[in-house]
Amino acid sequence: MAPRTFSVATSVQDPLTAERLVEVLQEAQLDAFSRAGGAASSAAFASASPAYWDILVPSEGFEQALGLINTELQEIERDGEANAKAAEEEAMSAENLSGENQTPES
């Protein structure tokens, strides 16, 4: 078997997003994996660089992977916006309920 070359298709800031992207790529029959980076310092007193996760894919499937990654990242962003809106609505309804349960003072 000939050696394969992998390329970094994208980098993300959290491990759950990295895991989700890898799953999407593997479902599309691409051999993808993530690799953690950052969160370390080369000098004893220097600040640590932020953590990130590279998503690696075979070079021959790079273009396909980019399309899938972009689609999934857009879906993640839509999910985040929907979740934020739902949380805001939940907070508003909780405030309304707590206001209705209070008895007026005489």
PDB file of N, CA and C in Angstrom:
ATOM      1  N   MET A   1       0.840  -1.175   0.000  1.00  0.00           N
ATOM      2  CA  MET A   1       0.000   0.000   0.000  1.00  0.00           C
ATOM      3  C   MET A   1       0.888   1.243   0.000  1.00  0.00           C
ATOM      4  N   ALA A   2       0.589   2.170  -0.877  1.00  0.00           N
ATOM      5  CA  ALA A   2       1.379   3.395  -0.996  1.00  0.00           C
ATOM      6  C   ALA A   2       1.038   4.354   0.140  1.00  0.00           C
ATOM      7  N   PRO A   3       2.036   5.104   0.613  1.00  0.00           N
ATOM      8  CA  PRO A   3       1.751   6.075   1.674  1.00  0.00           C
ATOM      9  C   PRO A   3       0.803   7.165   1.167  1.00  0.00           C
ATOM     10  N   ARG A   4      -0.007   7.673   2.068  1.00  0.00           N
ATOM     11  CA  ARG A   4      -0.972   8.716   1.717  1.00  0.00           C
ATOM     12  C   ARG A   4      -0.531  10.032   2.337  1.00  0.00           C
ATOM     13  N   THR A   5      -0.897  11.093   1.681  1.00  0.00           N
ATOM     14  CA  THR A   5      -0.606  12.430   2.175  1.00  0.00           C
ATOM     15  C   THR A   5      -1.894  13.044   2.699  1.00  0.00           C
ATOM     16  N   PHE A   6      -1.822  13.591   3.905  1.00  0.00           N
ATOM     17  CA  PHE A   6      -2.969  14.256   4.507  1.00  0.00           C
ATOM     18  C   PHE A   6      -2.696  15.751   4.584  1.00  0.00           C
ATOM     19  N   SER A   7      -3.754  16.529   4.445  1.00  0.00           N
ATOM     20  CA  SER A   7      -3.656  17.987   4.506  1.00  0.00           C
ATOM     21  C   SER A   7      -4.625  18.517   5.544  1.00  0.00           C
ATOM     22  N   VAL A   8      -4.281  19.654   6.134  1.00  0.00           N
ATOM     23  CA  VAL A   8      -5.172  20.305   7.084  1.00  0.00           C
ATOM     24  C   VAL A   8      -6.270  21.010   6.291  1.00  0.00           C
ATOM     25  N   ALA A   9      -7.511  20.569   6.491  1.00  0.00           N
ATOM     26  CA  ALA A   9      -8.643  21.165   5.787  1.00  0.00           C
ATOM     27  C   ALA A   9      -9.158  22.393   6.523  1.00  0.00           C
ATOM     28  N   THR A  10      -9.109  22.369   7.846  1.00  0.00           N
ATOM     29  CA  THR A  10      -9.521  23.509   8.664  1.00  0.00           C
ATOM     30  C   THR A  10      -9.002  23.316  10.076  1.00  0.00           C
ATOM     31  N   SER A  11      -9.103  24.366  10.866  1.00  0.00           N
ATOM     32  CA  SER A  11      -8.790  24.310  12.293  1.00  0.00           C
ATOM     33  C   SER A  11      -9.969  24.904  13.036  1.00  0.00           C
ATOM     34  N   VAL A  12     -10.309  24.303  14.168  1.00  0.00           N
ATOM     35  CA  VAL A  12     -11.419  24.792  14.987  1.00  0.00           C
ATOM     36  C   VAL A  12     -10.944  24.985  16.419  1.00  0.00           C
ATOM     37  N   GLN A  13     -11.735  25.706  17.198  1.00  0.00           N
ATOM     38  CA  GLN A  13     -11.327  26.092  18.545  1.00  0.00           C
ATOM     39  C   GLN A  13     -11.808  25.166  19.651  1.00  0.00           C
ATOM     40  N   ASP A  14     -12.665  24.201  19.338  1.00  0.00           N
ATOM     41  CA  ASP A  14     -13.134  23.322  20.409  1.00  0.00           C
ATOM     42  C   ASP A  14     -13.189  21.869  19.948  1.00  0.00           C
ATOM     43  N   PRO A  15     -12.994  20.942  20.877  1.00  0.00           N
ATOM     44  CA  PRO A  15     -12.919  19.533  20.514  1.00  0.00           C
ATOM     45  C   PRO A  15     -14.254  18.946  20.053  1.00  0.00           C
ATOM     46  N   LEU A  16     -15.378  19.477  20.527  1.00  0.00           N
ATOM     47  CA  LEU A  16     -16.671  18.941  20.107  1.00  0.00           C
ATOM     48  C   LEU A  16     -16.950  19.252  18.640  1.00  0.00           C
ATOM     49  N   THR A  17     -16.591  20.451  18.204  1.00  0.00           N
ATOM     50  CA  THR A  17     -16.750  20.795  16.788  1.00  0.00           C
ATOM     51  C   THR A  17     -15.822  19.930  15.954  1.00  0.00           C
ATOM     52  N   ALA A  18     -14.602  19.726  16.411  1.00  0.00           N
ATOM     53  CA  ALA A  18     -13.652  18.873  15.688  1.00  0.00           C
ATOM     54  C   ALA A  18     -14.216  17.462  15.539  1.00  0.00           C
ATOM     55  N   GLU A  19     -14.765  16.936  16.621  1.00  0.00           N
ATOM     56  CA  GLU A  19     -15.329  15.590  16.592  1.00  0.00           C
ATOM     57  C   GLU A  19     -16.502  15.507  15.608  1.00  0.00           C
ATOM     58  N   ARG A  20     -17.349  16.533  15.632  1.00  0.00           N
ATOM     59  CA  ARG A  20     -18.515  16.554  14.723  1.00  0.00           C
ATOM     60  C   ARG A  20     -18.069  16.605  13.265  1.00  0.00           C
ATOM     61  N   LEU A  21     -17.059  17.420  12.969  1.00  0.00           N
ATOM     62  CA  LEU A  21     -16.568  17.515  11.590  1.00  0.00           C
ATOM     63  C   LEU A  21     -15.956  16.200  11.128  1.00  0.00           C
ATOM     64  N   VAL A  22     -15.184  15.567  11.987  1.00  0.00           N
ATOM     65  CA  VAL A  22     -14.572  14.277  11.640  1.00  0.00           C
ATOM     66  C   VAL A  22     -15.660  13.246  11.349  1.00  0.00           C
ATOM     67  N   GLU A  23     -16.713  13.222  12.160  1.00  0.00           N
ATOM     68  CA  GLU A  23     -17.808  12.273  11.934  1.00  0.00           C
ATOM     69  C   GLU A  23     -18.476  12.499  10.584  1.00  0.00           C
ATOM     70  N   VAL A  24     -18.721  13.769  10.243  1.00  0.00           N
ATOM     71  CA  VAL A  24     -19.344  14.091   8.954  1.00  0.00           C
ATOM     72  C   VAL A  24     -18.461  13.621   7.805  1.00  0.00           C
ATOM     73  N   LEU A  25     -17.178  13.864   7.913  1.00  0.00           N
ATOM     74  CA  LEU A  25     -16.241  13.465   6.854  1.00  0.00           C
ATOM     75  C   LEU A  25     -16.137  11.945   6.747  1.00  0.00           C
ATOM     76  N   GLN A  26     -16.127  11.266   7.873  1.00  0.00           N
ATOM     77  CA  GLN A  26     -16.046   9.803   7.840  1.00  0.00           C
ATOM     78  C   GLN A  26     -17.323   9.189   7.279  1.00  0.00           C
ATOM     79  N   GLU A  27     -18.478   9.813   7.555  1.00  0.00           N
ATOM     80  CA  GLU A  27     -19.735   9.334   6.968  1.00  0.00           C
ATOM     81  C   GLU A  27     -19.711   9.455   5.448  1.00  0.00           C
ATOM     82  N   ALA A  28     -18.944  10.422   4.937  1.00  0.00           N
ATOM     83  CA  ALA A  28     -18.784  10.610   3.494  1.00  0.00           C
ATOM     84  C   ALA A  28     -17.651   9.744   2.938  1.00  0.00           C
ATOM     85  N   GLN A  29     -17.191   8.784   3.739  1.00  0.00           N
ATOM     86  CA  GLN A  29     -16.144   7.839   3.343  1.00  0.00           C
ATOM     87  C   GLN A  29     -14.780   8.487   3.140  1.00  0.00           C
ATOM     88  N   LEU A  30     -14.515   9.586   3.853  1.00  0.00           N
ATOM     89  CA  LEU A  30     -13.190  10.195   3.830  1.00  0.00           C
ATOM     90  C   LEU A  30     -12.465   9.819   5.123  1.00  0.00           C
ATOM     91  N   ASP A  31     -11.211   9.447   4.998  1.00  0.00           N
ATOM     92  CA  ASP A  31     -10.403   9.102   6.170  1.00  0.00           C
ATOM     93  C   ASP A  31      -9.941  10.392   6.837  1.00  0.00           C
ATOM     94  N   ALA A  32     -10.745  10.901   7.754  1.00  0.00           N
ATOM     95  CA  ALA A  32     -10.426  12.160   8.424  1.00  0.00           C
ATOM     96  C   ALA A  32     -10.099  11.897   9.886  1.00  0.00           C
ATOM     97  N   PHE A  33      -9.291  12.773  10.452  1.00  0.00           N
ATOM     98  CA  PHE A  33      -9.006  12.715  11.882  1.00  0.00           C
ATOM     99  C   PHE A  33      -8.638  14.111  12.362  1.00  0.00           C
ATOM    100  N   SER A  34      -8.708  14.316  13.672  1.00  0.00           N
ATOM    101  CA  SER A  34      -8.335  15.609  14.229  1.00  0.00           C
ATOM    102  C   SER A  34      -7.028  15.470  15.004  1.00  0.00           C
ATOM    103  N   ARG A  35      -6.360  16.598  15.130  1.00  0.00           N
ATOM    104  CA  ARG A  35      -5.089  16.636  15.864  1.00  0.00           C
ATOM    105  C   ARG A  35      -5.085  17.903  16.709  1.00  0.00           C
ATOM    106  N   ALA A  36      -4.889  17.744  18.007  1.00  0.00           N
ATOM    107  CA  ALA A  36      -4.879  18.886  18.911  1.00  0.00           C
ATOM    108  C   ALA A  36      -3.575  19.653  18.795  1.00  0.00           C
ATOM    109  N   GLY A  37      -3.664  20.954  18.988  1.00  0.00           N
ATOM    110  CA  GLY A  37      -2.473  21.796  18.966  1.00  0.00           C
ATOM    111  C   GLY A  37      -2.652  22.972  19.899  1.00  0.00           C
ATOM    112  N   GLY A  38      -1.604  23.705  20.136  1.00  0.00           N
ATOM    113  CA  GLY A  38      -1.665  24.873  21.006  1.00  0.00           C
ATOM    114  C   GLY A  38      -1.716  24.492  22.467  1.00  0.00           C
ATOM    115  N   ALA A  39      -2.181  25.419  23.288  1.00  0.00           N
ATOM    116  CA  ALA A  39      -2.323  25.250  24.732  1.00  0.00           C
ATOM    117  C   ALA A  39      -1.004  24.900  25.409  1.00  0.00           C
ATOM    118  N   ALA A  40       0.082  25.374  24.858  1.00  0.00           N
ATOM    119  CA  ALA A  40       1.392  25.123  25.456  1.00  0.00           C
ATOM    120  C   ALA A  40       2.297  26.307  25.172  1.00  0.00           C
ATOM    121  N   SER A  41       3.335  26.389  25.932  1.00  0.00           N
ATOM    122  CA  SER A  41       4.305  27.459  25.750  1.00  0.00           C
ATOM    123  C   SER A  41       5.684  26.847  25.605  1.00  0.00           C
ATOM    124  N   SER A  42       6.488  27.429  24.744  1.00  0.00           N
ATOM    125  CA  SER A  42       7.846  26.920  24.582  1.00  0.00           C
ATOM    126  C   SER A  42       8.799  27.543  25.599  1.00  0.00           C
ATOM    127  N   ALA A  43       8.374  28.604  26.251  1.00  0.00           N
ATOM    128  CA  ALA A  43       9.203  29.255  27.264  1.00  0.00           C
ATOM    129  C   ALA A  43       8.543  29.091  28.628  1.00  0.00           C
ATOM    130  N   ALA A  44       9.336  28.985  29.641  1.00  0.00           N
ATOM    131  CA  ALA A  44       8.821  28.701  30.984  1.00  0.00           C
ATOM    132  C   ALA A  44       7.839  29.756  31.482  1.00  0.00           C
ATOM    133  N   PHE A  45       8.060  31.030  31.169  1.00  0.00           N
ATOM    134  CA  PHE A  45       7.209  32.079  31.709  1.00  0.00           C
ATOM    135  C   PHE A  45       6.355  32.763  30.649  1.00  0.00           C
ATOM    136  N   ALA A  46       6.333  32.250  29.464  1.00  0.00           N
ATOM    137  CA  ALA A  46       5.512  32.837  28.404  1.00  0.00           C
ATOM    138  C   ALA A  46       4.084  32.314  28.512  1.00  0.00           C
ATOM    139  N   SER A  47       3.166  33.081  27.972  1.00  0.00           N
ATOM    140  CA  SER A  47       1.771  32.637  28.022  1.00  0.00           C
ATOM    141  C   SER A  47       1.562  31.496  27.023  1.00  0.00           C
ATOM    142  N   ALA A  48       0.612  30.671  27.341  1.00  0.00           N
ATOM    143  CA  ALA A  48       0.291  29.534  26.475  1.00  0.00           C
ATOM    144  C   ALA A  48      -0.483  30.020  25.259  1.00  0.00           C
ATOM    145  N   SER A  49      -0.266  29.385  24.131  1.00  0.00           N
ATOM    146  CA  SER A  49      -1.049  29.721  22.948  1.00  0.00           C
ATOM    147  C   SER A  49      -2.406  29.042  23.062  1.00  0.00           C
ATOM    148  N   PRO A  50      -3.437  29.613  22.458  1.00  0.00           N
ATOM    149  CA  PRO A  50      -4.766  29.005  22.578  1.00  0.00           C
ATOM    150  C   PRO A  50      -4.808  27.622  21.927  1.00  0.00           C
ATOM    151  N   ALA A  51      -5.662  26.775  22.470  1.00  0.00           N
ATOM    152  CA  ALA A  51      -5.804  25.429  21.921  1.00  0.00           C
ATOM    153  C   ALA A  51      -6.589  25.482  20.608  1.00  0.00           C
ATOM    154  N   TYR A  52      -6.298  24.557  19.728  1.00  0.00           N
ATOM    155  CA  TYR A  52      -7.041  24.414  18.478  1.00  0.00           C
ATOM    156  C   TYR A  52      -6.953  22.964  18.050  1.00  0.00           C
ATOM    157  N   TRP A  53      -7.818  22.573  17.124  1.00  0.00           N
ATOM    158  CA  TRP A  53      -7.828  21.221  16.594  1.00  0.00           C
ATOM    159  C   TRP A  53      -7.814  21.315  15.088  1.00  0.00           C
ATOM    160  N   ASP A  54      -6.799  20.701  14.467  1.00  0.00           N
ATOM    161  CA  ASP A  54      -6.715  20.614  13.011  1.00  0.00           C
ATOM    162  C   ASP A  54      -7.542  19.423  12.547  1.00  0.00           C
ATOM    163  N   ILE A  55      -8.241  19.595  11.449  1.00  0.00           N
ATOM    164  CA  ILE A  55      -8.967  18.500  10.819  1.00  0.00           C
ATOM    165  C   ILE A  55      -8.168  18.118   9.578  1.00  0.00           C
ATOM    166  N   LEU A  56      -7.664  16.897   9.578  1.00  0.00           N
ATOM    167  CA  LEU A  56      -6.844  16.422   8.466  1.00  0.00           C
ATOM    168  C   LEU A  56      -7.622  15.447   7.598  1.00  0.00           C
ATOM    169  N   VAL A  57      -7.427  15.575   6.300  1.00  0.00           N
ATOM    170  CA  VAL A  57      -8.096  14.713   5.320  1.00  0.00           C
ATOM    171  C   VAL A  57      -7.078  14.297   4.268  1.00  0.00           C
ATOM    172  N   PRO A  58      -7.349  13.190   3.569  1.00  0.00           N
ATOM    173  CA  PRO A  58      -6.442  12.800   2.491  1.00  0.00           C
ATOM    174  C   PRO A  58      -6.408  13.887   1.414  1.00  0.00           C
ATOM    175  N   SER A  59      -5.248  14.144   0.878  1.00  0.00           N
ATOM    176  CA  SER A  59      -5.100  15.189  -0.133  1.00  0.00           C
ATOM    177  C   SER A  59      -6.009  14.969  -1.330  1.00  0.00           C
ATOM    178  N   GLU A  60      -6.237  13.706  -1.702  1.00  0.00           N
ATOM    179  CA  GLU A  60      -7.084  13.438  -2.862  1.00  0.00           C
ATOM    180  C   GLU A  60      -8.564  13.748  -2.593  1.00  0.00           C
ATOM    181  N   GLY A  61      -8.955  13.860  -1.353  1.00  0.00           N
ATOM    182  CA  GLY A  61     -10.344  14.194  -1.013  1.00  0.00           C
ATOM    183  C   GLY A  61     -10.494  15.593  -0.434  1.00  0.00           C
ATOM    184  N   PHE A  62      -9.474  16.431  -0.609  1.00  0.00           N
ATOM    185  CA  PHE A  62      -9.437  17.745   0.008  1.00  0.00           C
ATOM    186  C   PHE A  62     -10.603  18.634  -0.421  1.00  0.00           C
ATOM    187  N   GLU A  63     -10.867  18.736  -1.704  1.00  0.00           N
ATOM    188  CA  GLU A  63     -11.940  19.604  -2.209  1.00  0.00           C
ATOM    189  C   GLU A  63     -13.297  19.147  -1.701  1.00  0.00           C
ATOM    190  N   GLN A  64     -13.544  17.854  -1.729  1.00  0.00           N
ATOM    191  CA  GLN A  64     -14.804  17.313  -1.216  1.00  0.00           C
ATOM    192  C   GLN A  64     -14.937  17.632   0.277  1.00  0.00           C
ATOM    193  N   ALA A  65     -13.855  17.478   1.009  1.00  0.00           N
ATOM    194  CA  ALA A  65     -13.864  17.737   2.446  1.00  0.00           C
ATOM    195  C   ALA A  65     -14.183  19.197   2.737  1.00  0.00           C
ATOM    196  N   LEU A  66     -13.604  20.114   1.964  1.00  0.00           N
ATOM    197  CA  LEU A  66     -13.861  21.534   2.194  1.00  0.00           C
ATOM    198  C   LEU A  66     -15.342  21.856   2.053  1.00  0.00           C
ATOM    199  N   GLY A  67     -15.992  21.297   1.038  1.00  0.00           N
ATOM    200  CA  GLY A  67     -17.419  21.519   0.852  1.00  0.00           C
ATOM    201  C   GLY A  67     -18.232  20.999   2.026  1.00  0.00           C
ATOM    202  N   LEU A  68     -17.913  19.796   2.472  1.00  0.00           N
ATOM    203  CA  LEU A  68     -18.629  19.204   3.605  1.00  0.00           C
ATOM    204  C   LEU A  68     -18.393  19.990   4.888  1.00  0.00           C
ATOM    205  N   ILE A  69     -17.165  20.421   5.100  1.00  0.00           N
ATOM    206  CA  ILE A  69     -16.821  21.192   6.302  1.00  0.00           C
ATOM    207  C   ILE A  69     -17.566  22.520   6.313  1.00  0.00           C
ATOM    208  N   ASN A  70     -17.562  23.233   5.194  1.00  0.00           N
ATOM    209  CA  ASN A  70     -18.251  24.527   5.136  1.00  0.00           C
ATOM    210  C   ASN A  70     -19.740  24.375   5.398  1.00  0.00           C
ATOM    211  N   THR A  71     -20.348  23.346   4.822  1.00  0.00           N
ATOM    212  CA  THR A  71     -21.768  23.091   5.044  1.00  0.00           C
ATOM    213  C   THR A  71     -22.036  22.801   6.511  1.00  0.00           C
ATOM    214  N   GLU A  72     -21.214  21.968   7.122  1.00  0.00           N
ATOM    215  CA  GLU A  72     -21.424  21.600   8.524  1.00  0.00           C
ATOM    216  C   GLU A  72     -21.175  22.783   9.456  1.00  0.00           C
ATOM    217  N   LEU A  73     -20.167  23.610   9.177  1.00  0.00           N
ATOM    218  CA  LEU A  73     -19.912  24.785  10.010  1.00  0.00           C
ATOM    219  C   LEU A  73     -21.076  25.771   9.940  1.00  0.00           C
ATOM    220  N   GLN A  74     -21.691  25.899   8.763  1.00  0.00           N
ATOM    221  CA  GLN A  74     -22.879  26.751   8.634  1.00  0.00           C
ATOM    222  C   GLN A  74     -24.027  26.181   9.454  1.00  0.00           C
ATOM    223  N   GLU A  75     -24.177  24.864   9.445  1.00  0.00           N
ATOM    224  CA  GLU A  75     -25.219  24.199  10.235  1.00  0.00           C
ATOM    225  C   GLU A  75     -24.974  24.405  11.734  1.00  0.00           C
ATOM    226  N   ILE A  76     -23.725  24.302  12.148  1.00  0.00           N
ATOM    227  CA  ILE A  76     -23.377  24.522  13.553  1.00  0.00           C
ATOM    228  C   ILE A  76     -23.725  25.949  13.959  1.00  0.00           C
ATOM    229  N   GLU A  77     -23.432  26.915  13.096  1.00  0.00           N
ATOM    230  CA  GLU A  77     -23.747  28.306  13.402  1.00  0.00           C
ATOM    231  C   GLU A  77     -25.255  28.520  13.492  1.00  0.00           C
ATOM    232  N   ARG A  78     -26.010  27.923  12.571  1.00  0.00           N
ATOM    233  CA  ARG A  78     -27.479  28.026  12.629  1.00  0.00           C
ATOM    234  C   ARG A  78     -28.005  27.400  13.914  1.00  0.00           C
ATOM    235  N   ASP A  79     -27.463  26.243  14.284  1.00  0.00           N
ATOM    236  CA  ASP A  79     -27.876  25.583  15.531  1.00  0.00           C
ATOM    237  C   ASP A  79     -27.596  26.490  16.728  1.00  0.00           C
ATOM    238  N   GLY A  80     -26.445  27.124  16.737  1.00  0.00           N
ATOM    239  CA  GLY A  80     -26.077  28.015  17.837  1.00  0.00           C
ATOM    240  C   GLY A  80     -27.019  29.197  17.942  1.00  0.00           C
ATOM    241  N   GLU A  81     -27.377  29.782  16.788  1.00  0.00           N
ATOM    242  CA  GLU A  81     -28.307  30.909  16.790  1.00  0.00           C
ATOM    243  C   GLU A  81     -29.683  30.473  17.272  1.00  0.00           C
ATOM    244  N   ALA A  82     -30.137  29.307  16.821  1.00  0.00           N
ATOM    245  CA  ALA A  82     -31.442  28.791  17.241  1.00  0.00           C
ATOM    246  C   ALA A  82     -31.435  28.487  18.736  1.00  0.00           C
ATOM    247  N   ASN A  83     -30.350  27.918  19.228  1.00  0.00           N
ATOM    248  CA  ASN A  83     -30.247  27.614  20.658  1.00  0.00           C
ATOM    249  C   ASN A  83     -30.224  28.892  21.495  1.00  0.00           C
ATOM    250  N   ALA A  84     -29.533  29.915  21.018  1.00  0.00           N
ATOM    251  CA  ALA A  84     -29.486  31.182  21.746  1.00  0.00           C
ATOM    252  C   ALA A  84     -30.874  31.814  21.799  1.00  0.00           C
ATOM    253  N   LYS A  85     -31.592  31.764  20.681  1.00  0.00           N
ATOM    254  CA  LYS A  85     -32.948  32.323  20.641  1.00  0.00           C
ATOM    255  C   LYS A  85     -33.871  31.548  21.577  1.00  0.00           C
ATOM    256  N   ALA A  86     -33.778  30.225  21.574  1.00  0.00           N
ATOM    257  CA  ALA A  86     -34.611  29.399  22.452  1.00  0.00           C
ATOM    258  C   ALA A  86     -34.298  29.690  23.912  1.00  0.00           C
ATOM    259  N   ALA A  87     -33.029  29.866  24.244  1.00  0.00           N
ATOM    260  CA  ALA A  87     -32.646  30.171  25.627  1.00  0.00           C
ATOM    261  C   ALA A  87     -33.186  31.531  26.042  1.00  0.00           C
ATOM    262  N   GLU A  88     -33.131  32.490  25.122  1.00  0.00           N
ATOM    263  CA  GLU A  88     -33.654  33.821  25.416  1.00  0.00           C
ATOM    264  C   GLU A  88     -35.167  33.770  25.647  1.00  0.00           C
ATOM    265  N   GLU A  89     -35.874  33.027  24.796  1.00  0.00           N
ATOM    266  CA  GLU A  89     -37.324  32.878  24.962  1.00  0.00           C
ATOM    267  C   GLU A  89     -37.650  32.173  26.277  1.00  0.00           C
ATOM    268  N   GLU A  90     -36.870  31.178  26.634  1.00  0.00           N
ATOM    269  CA  GLU A  90     -37.070  30.456  27.889  1.00  0.00           C
ATOM    270  C   GLU A  90     -36.875  31.393  29.078  1.00  0.00           C
ATOM    271  N   ALA A  91     -35.839  32.222  29.011  1.00  0.00           N
ATOM    272  CA  ALA A  91     -35.583  33.170  30.093  1.00  0.00           C
ATOM    273  C   ALA A  91     -36.721  34.180  30.208  1.00  0.00           C
ATOM    274  N   MET A  92     -37.231  34.645  29.069  1.00  0.00           N
ATOM    275  CA  MET A  92     -38.341  35.596  29.074  1.00  0.00           C
ATOM    276  C   MET A  92     -39.592  34.962  29.672  1.00  0.00           C
ATOM    277  N   SER A  93     -39.895  33.721  29.316  1.00  0.00           N
ATOM    278  CA  SER A  93     -41.091  33.065  29.844  1.00  0.00           C
ATOM    279  C   SER A  93     -40.939  32.788  31.336  1.00  0.00           C
ATOM    280  N   ALA A  94     -39.730  32.481  31.785  1.00  0.00           N
ATOM    281  CA  ALA A  94     -39.491  32.259  33.209  1.00  0.00           C
ATOM    282  C   ALA A  94     -39.689  33.557  33.983  1.00  0.00           C
ATOM    283  N   GLU A  95     -39.260  34.677  33.402  1.00  0.00           N
ATOM    284  CA  GLU A  95     -39.463  35.978  34.052  1.00  0.00           C
ATOM    285  C   GLU A  95     -40.940  36.310  34.125  1.00  0.00           C
ATOM    286  N   ASN A  96     -41.683  36.033  33.053  1.00  0.00           N
ATOM    287  CA  ASN A  96     -43.113  36.308  33.029  1.00  0.00           C
ATOM    288  C   ASN A  96     -43.848  35.446  34.038  1.00  0.00           C
ATOM    289  N   LEU A  97     -43.472  34.192  34.144  1.00  0.00           N
ATOM    290  CA  LEU A  97     -44.126  33.291  35.110  1.00  0.00           C
ATOM    291  C   LEU A  97     -43.846  33.726  36.529  1.00  0.00           C
ATOM    292  N   SER A  98     -42.631  34.106  36.829  1.00  0.00           N
ATOM    293  CA  SER A  98     -42.300  34.519  38.186  1.00  0.00           C
ATOM    294  C   SER A  98     -43.005  35.818  38.542  1.00  0.00           C
ATOM    295  N   GLY A  99     -43.222  36.672  37.565  1.00  0.00           N
ATOM    296  CA  GLY A  99     -43.956  37.921  37.801  1.00  0.00           C
ATOM    297  C   GLY A  99     -45.428  37.663  38.026  1.00  0.00           C
ATOM    298  N   GLU A 100     -46.010  36.654  37.382  1.00  0.00           N
ATOM    299  CA  GLU A 100     -47.422  36.341  37.531  1.00  0.00           C
ATOM    300  C   GLU A 100     -47.699  35.657  38.863  1.00  0.00           C
ATOM    301  N   ASN A 101     -46.728  34.937  39.390  1.00  0.00           N
ATOM    302  CA  ASN A 101     -46.920  34.192  40.634  1.00  0.00           C
ATOM    303  C   ASN A 101     -46.789  35.077  41.869  1.00  0.00           C
ATOM    304  N   GLN A 102     -46.322  36.283  41.722  1.00  0.00           N
ATOM    305  CA  GLN A 102     -46.181  37.166  42.865  1.00  0.00           C
ATOM    306  C   GLN A 102     -47.543  37.784  43.194  1.00  0.00           C
ATOM    307  N   THR A 103     -47.833  37.893  44.471  1.00  0.00           N
ATOM    308  CA  THR A 103     -49.086  38.508  44.877  1.00  0.00           C
ATOM    309  C   THR A 103     -48.864  39.999  45.084  1.00  0.00           C
ATOM    310  N   PRO A 104     -49.826  40.783  44.641  1.00  0.00           N
ATOM    311  CA  PRO A 104     -49.659  42.245  44.825  1.00  0.00           C
ATOM    312  C   PRO A 104     -49.734  42.585  46.309  1.00  0.00           C
ATOM    313  N   GLU A 105     -48.899  43.529  46.684  1.00  0.00           N
ATOM    314  CA  GLU A 105     -48.877  43.944  48.086  1.00  0.00           C
ATOM    315  C   GLU A 105     -49.955  44.983  48.316  1.00  0.00           C
ATOM    316  N   SER A 106     -50.645  44.905  49.453  1.00  0.00           N
ATOM    317  CA  SER A 106     -51.713  45.844  49.769  1.00  0.00           C
ATOM    318  C   SER A 106     -51.219  46.963  50.636  1.00  0.00           C
TER     319      SER A 106
END
